Amino acid sequence: MKIYISNTVEDTHNIAKEIVDSLSTNIIILNGELGAGKTEFTKGIAKALNIEKNITSPTFTILKSYISKNKNLHHFDCYRFIDKIDINLKSLGIEELVNDNNNLIVLEWADGSKFLKQYKPLIINIEIIEYEKRAITIN
């Protein structure tokens, strides 16, 4: 386990880049309360992948995909179907995405997925300390 302290949004983006540069999996699960910075962390991942599009929360669409020359980023927000997460992830085609190494999959609110555990996802917890300050814990 490793804990980072982020004092600014830019710090959060830089921490995300550092993590992307050393990934051994193509699945990241982000945990944290509303407003903790899960989407900001994903913006840092996108920057690390040289994705220049504006990254926004997929809360209402559930999934937003961004194509790049390096890796494709697929950003899921599983909050609305958290009670039946595995059924819904499979219906969204998660297996095809996971099995393609050209994809990096970031899932918010997915720590209850039994299906994803077989792929040994990187689990990141983001905790609000104060206004912009966050504790980012890597498990």
C-alpha atoms as a PDB file:
ATOM      1  CA  MET A   1       0.000   0.000   0.000  1.00  0.00           C
ATOM      2  CA  LYS A   2       1.232   3.478  -0.875  1.00  0.00           C
ATOM      3  CA  ILE A   3      -0.285   6.788   0.206  1.00  0.00           C
ATOM      4  CA  TYR A   4       0.117  10.030  -1.727  1.00  0.00           C
ATOM      5  CA  ILE A   5      -0.961  13.439  -0.503  1.00  0.00           C
ATOM      6  CA  SER A   6      -2.331  15.770  -3.154  1.00  0.00           C
ATOM      7  CA  ASN A   7      -2.562  19.462  -2.285  1.00  0.00           C
ATOM      8  CA  THR A   8      -3.887  20.617  -5.668  1.00  0.00           C
ATOM      9  CA  VAL A   9      -5.718  19.325  -8.712  1.00  0.00           C
ATOM     10  CA  GLU A  10      -2.395  19.463 -10.565  1.00  0.00           C
ATOM     11  CA  ASP A  11      -0.852  17.200  -7.893  1.00  0.00           C
ATOM     12  CA  THR A  12      -3.704  14.735  -8.430  1.00  0.00           C
ATOM     13  CA  HIS A  13      -3.059  14.726 -12.180  1.00  0.00           C
ATOM     14  CA  ASN A  14       0.678  14.160 -11.612  1.00  0.00           C
ATOM     15  CA  ILE A  15       0.025  11.283  -9.197  1.00  0.00           C
ATOM     16  CA  ALA A  16      -2.288   9.697 -11.773  1.00  0.00           C
ATOM     17  CA  LYS A  17       0.435  10.002 -14.429  1.00  0.00           C
ATOM     18  CA  GLU A  18       2.999   8.377 -12.147  1.00  0.00           C
ATOM     19  CA  ILE A  19       0.633   5.490 -11.501  1.00  0.00           C
ATOM     20  CA  VAL A  20      -0.210   5.020 -15.197  1.00  0.00           C
ATOM     21  CA  ASP A  21       3.500   4.923 -16.042  1.00  0.00           C
ATOM     22  CA  SER A  22       3.964   1.921 -13.721  1.00  0.00           C
ATOM     23  CA  LEU A  23       0.719  -0.017 -14.281  1.00  0.00           C
ATOM     24  CA  SER A  24       0.762  -3.809 -14.441  1.00  0.00           C
ATOM     25  CA  THR A  25      -2.991  -4.112 -15.104  1.00  0.00           C
ATOM     26  CA  ASN A  26      -5.427  -2.432 -17.444  1.00  0.00           C
ATOM     27  CA  ILE A  27      -8.169  -1.958 -14.833  1.00  0.00           C
ATOM     28  CA  ILE A  28      -8.287   0.774 -12.210  1.00  0.00           C
ATOM     29  CA  ILE A  29     -11.087   0.987  -9.650  1.00  0.00           C
ATOM     30  CA  LEU A  30     -11.514   4.424  -8.065  1.00  0.00           C
ATOM     31  CA  ASN A  31     -13.217   4.719  -4.697  1.00  0.00           C
ATOM     32  CA  GLY A  32     -14.149   7.884  -2.874  1.00  0.00           C
ATOM     33  CA  GLU A  33     -17.135   9.872  -1.775  1.00  0.00           C
ATOM     34  CA  LEU A  34     -18.877  12.314  -4.088  1.00  0.00           C
ATOM     35  CA  GLY A  35     -16.538  15.197  -4.851  1.00  0.00           C
ATOM     36  CA  ALA A  36     -13.411  13.322  -3.747  1.00  0.00           C
ATOM     37  CA  GLY A  37     -11.724  13.729  -7.126  1.00  0.00           C
ATOM     38  CA  LYS A  38     -12.305  10.478  -9.000  1.00  0.00           C
ATOM     39  CA  THR A  39     -12.965  12.282 -12.273  1.00  0.00           C
ATOM     40  CA  GLU A  40     -10.004  14.632 -11.690  1.00  0.00           C
ATOM     41  CA  PHE A  41      -7.834  11.564 -11.194  1.00  0.00           C
ATOM     42  CA  THR A  42      -9.180  10.196 -14.486  1.00  0.00           C
ATOM     43  CA  LYS A  43      -8.253  13.501 -16.160  1.00  0.00           C
ATOM     44  CA  GLY A  44      -4.675  12.887 -15.009  1.00  0.00           C
ATOM     45  CA  ILE A  45      -4.802   9.395 -16.492  1.00  0.00           C
ATOM     46  CA  ALA A  46      -6.031  10.864 -19.783  1.00  0.00           C
ATOM     47  CA  LYS A  47      -3.164  13.373 -19.807  1.00  0.00           C
ATOM     48  CA  ALA A  48      -0.705  10.516 -19.258  1.00  0.00           C
ATOM     49  CA  LEU A  49      -2.201   8.763 -22.301  1.00  0.00           C
ATOM     50  CA  ASN A  50      -1.949  11.974 -24.378  1.00  0.00           C
ATOM     51  CA  ILE A  51      -5.719  12.255 -24.655  1.00  0.00           C
ATOM     52  CA  GLU A  52      -6.532  15.892 -25.299  1.00  0.00           C
ATOM     53  CA  LYS A  53     -10.324  15.716 -25.105  1.00  0.00           C
ATOM     54  CA  ASN A  54     -12.175  17.226 -22.174  1.00  0.00           C
ATOM     55  CA  ILE A  55     -12.770  14.442 -19.654  1.00  0.00           C
ATOM     56  CA  THR A  56     -16.090  14.659 -17.846  1.00  0.00           C
ATOM     57  CA  SER A  57     -17.892  12.390 -15.434  1.00  0.00           C
ATOM     58  CA  PRO A  58     -19.850   9.562 -17.060  1.00  0.00           C
ATOM     59  CA  THR A  59     -22.495   9.740 -14.325  1.00  0.00           C
ATOM     60  CA  PHE A  60     -25.427  10.057 -16.710  1.00  0.00           C
ATOM     61  CA  THR A  61     -24.034   8.078 -19.645  1.00  0.00           C
ATOM     62  CA  ILE A  62     -22.385   5.344 -17.490  1.00  0.00           C
ATOM     63  CA  LEU A  63     -19.484   5.009 -19.951  1.00  0.00           C
ATOM     64  CA  LYS A  64     -17.335   7.470 -21.858  1.00  0.00           C
ATOM     65  CA  SER A  65     -14.607   6.222 -24.170  1.00  0.00           C
ATOM     66  CA  TYR A  66     -11.620   8.178 -25.428  1.00  0.00           C
ATOM     67  CA  ILE A  67      -9.419   6.891 -28.231  1.00  0.00           C
ATOM     68  CA  SER A  68      -5.701   7.651 -28.348  1.00  0.00           C
ATOM     69  CA  LYS A  69      -2.568   6.467 -30.120  1.00  0.00           C
ATOM     70  CA  ASN A  70      -1.209   4.966 -26.891  1.00  0.00           C
ATOM     71  CA  LYS A  71      -4.165   3.316 -25.179  1.00  0.00           C
ATOM     72  CA  ASN A  72      -7.886   3.809 -25.267  1.00  0.00           C
ATOM     73  CA  LEU A  73      -9.462   5.049 -22.053  1.00  0.00           C
ATOM     74  CA  HIS A  74     -12.863   3.694 -21.030  1.00  0.00           C
ATOM     75  CA  HIS A  75     -14.296   5.539 -18.024  1.00  0.00           C
ATOM     76  CA  PHE A  76     -17.245   3.914 -16.232  1.00  0.00           C
ATOM     77  CA  ASP A  77     -19.429   5.310 -13.463  1.00  0.00           C
ATOM     78  CA  CYS A  78     -21.147   2.304 -11.863  1.00  0.00           C
ATOM     79  CA  TYR A  79     -23.039   4.178  -9.151  1.00  0.00           C
ATOM     80  CA  ARG A  80     -26.481   3.785 -10.725  1.00  0.00           C
ATOM     81  CA  PHE A  81     -26.192   0.003 -10.987  1.00  0.00           C
ATOM     82  CA  ILE A  82     -24.057  -0.769  -7.968  1.00  0.00           C
ATOM     83  CA  ASP A  83     -26.497  -3.432  -6.698  1.00  0.00           C
ATOM     84  CA  LYS A  84     -26.184  -5.504  -9.891  1.00  0.00           C
ATOM     85  CA  ILE A  85     -22.739  -4.395 -10.955  1.00  0.00           C
ATOM     86  CA  ASP A  86     -21.449  -7.601 -12.571  1.00  0.00           C
ATOM     87  CA  ILE A  87     -24.577  -8.201 -14.650  1.00  0.00           C
ATOM     88  CA  ASN A  88     -24.511  -4.623 -15.906  1.00  0.00           C
ATOM     89  CA  LEU A  89     -20.771  -4.536 -16.610  1.00  0.00           C
ATOM     90  CA  LYS A  90     -21.088  -7.693 -18.688  1.00  0.00           C
ATOM     91  CA  SER A  91     -24.046  -6.271 -20.610  1.00  0.00           C
ATOM     92  CA  LEU A  92     -21.930  -3.177 -21.393  1.00  0.00           C
ATOM     93  CA  GLY A  93     -19.224  -5.378 -22.947  1.00  0.00           C
ATOM     94  CA  ILE A  94     -16.626  -5.082 -20.196  1.00  0.00           C
ATOM     95  CA  GLU A  95     -15.132  -8.501 -21.052  1.00  0.00           C
ATOM     96  CA  GLU A  96     -14.176  -7.388 -24.555  1.00  0.00           C
ATOM     97  CA  LEU A  97     -12.623  -4.197 -23.216  1.00  0.00           C
ATOM     98  CA  VAL A  98     -10.696  -5.946 -20.443  1.00  0.00           C
ATOM     99  CA  ASN A  99      -9.251  -8.567 -22.770  1.00  0.00           C
ATOM    100  CA  ASP A 100      -7.818  -5.971 -25.154  1.00  0.00           C
ATOM    101  CA  ASN A 101      -4.471  -4.663 -23.897  1.00  0.00           C
ATOM    102  CA  ASN A 102      -4.958  -1.485 -25.919  1.00  0.00           C
ATOM    103  CA  ASN A 103      -7.575  -0.433 -23.368  1.00  0.00           C
ATOM    104  CA  LEU A 104      -7.240   1.133 -19.961  1.00  0.00           C
ATOM    105  CA  ILE A 105     -10.459   0.833 -17.986  1.00  0.00           C
ATOM    106  CA  VAL A 106     -11.245   3.170 -15.111  1.00  0.00           C
ATOM    107  CA  LEU A 107     -14.297   2.364 -13.008  1.00  0.00           C
ATOM    108  CA  GLU A 108     -15.841   4.511 -10.316  1.00  0.00           C
ATOM    109  CA  TRP A 109     -18.008   2.817  -7.680  1.00  0.00           C
ATOM    110  CA  ALA A 110     -17.001  -0.707  -8.792  1.00  0.00           C
ATOM    111  CA  ASP A 111     -15.232  -2.125  -5.758  1.00  0.00           C
ATOM    112  CA  GLY A 112     -18.108  -4.587  -5.205  1.00  0.00           C
ATOM    113  CA  SER A 113     -17.500  -6.373  -8.504  1.00  0.00           C
ATOM    114  CA  LYS A 114     -16.633 -10.041  -8.123  1.00  0.00           C
ATOM    115  CA  PHE A 115     -16.121 -10.358 -11.882  1.00  0.00           C
ATOM    116  CA  LEU A 116     -13.337  -7.737 -11.989  1.00  0.00           C
ATOM    117  CA  LYS A 117     -11.325  -9.336  -9.164  1.00  0.00           C
ATOM    118  CA  GLN A 118     -10.074 -12.084 -11.478  1.00  0.00           C
ATOM    119  CA  TYR A 119      -8.208  -9.391 -13.444  1.00  0.00           C
ATOM    120  CA  LYS A 120      -6.438  -8.063 -10.343  1.00  0.00           C
ATOM    121  CA  PRO A 121      -7.440  -4.410 -10.730  1.00  0.00           C
ATOM    122  CA  LEU A 122      -5.487  -1.599  -9.153  1.00  0.00           C
ATOM    123  CA  ILE A 123      -7.688  -0.171  -6.406  1.00  0.00           C
ATOM    124  CA  ILE A 124      -7.289   3.498  -5.569  1.00  0.00           C
ATOM    125  CA  ASN A 125      -9.049   5.214  -2.676  1.00  0.00           C
ATOM    126  CA  ILE A 126      -9.344   8.993  -2.681  1.00  0.00           C
ATOM    127  CA  GLU A 127     -10.178  10.683   0.605  1.00  0.00           C
ATOM    128  CA  ILE A 128     -10.983  14.346   1.126  1.00  0.00           C
ATOM    129  CA  ILE A 129      -8.737  15.878   3.786  1.00  0.00           C
ATOM    130  CA  GLU A 130      -9.652  19.518   3.238  1.00  0.00           C
ATOM    131  CA  TYR A 131     -10.660  21.872   0.400  1.00  0.00           C
ATOM    132  CA  GLU A 132      -8.268  20.649  -2.347  1.00  0.00           C
ATOM    133  CA  LYS A 133      -6.149  18.328  -0.235  1.00  0.00           C
ATOM    134  CA  ARG A 134      -6.620  14.590  -0.806  1.00  0.00           C
ATOM    135  CA  ALA A 135      -5.112  11.350   0.463  1.00  0.00           C
ATOM    136  CA  ILE A 136      -4.744   8.935  -2.440  1.00  0.00           C
ATOM    137  CA  THR A 137      -4.162   5.368  -1.324  1.00  0.00           C
ATOM    138  CA  ILE A 138      -3.000   2.695  -3.753  1.00  0.00           C
ATOM    139  CA  ASN A 139      -3.807  -0.927  -2.825  1.00  0.00           C
END
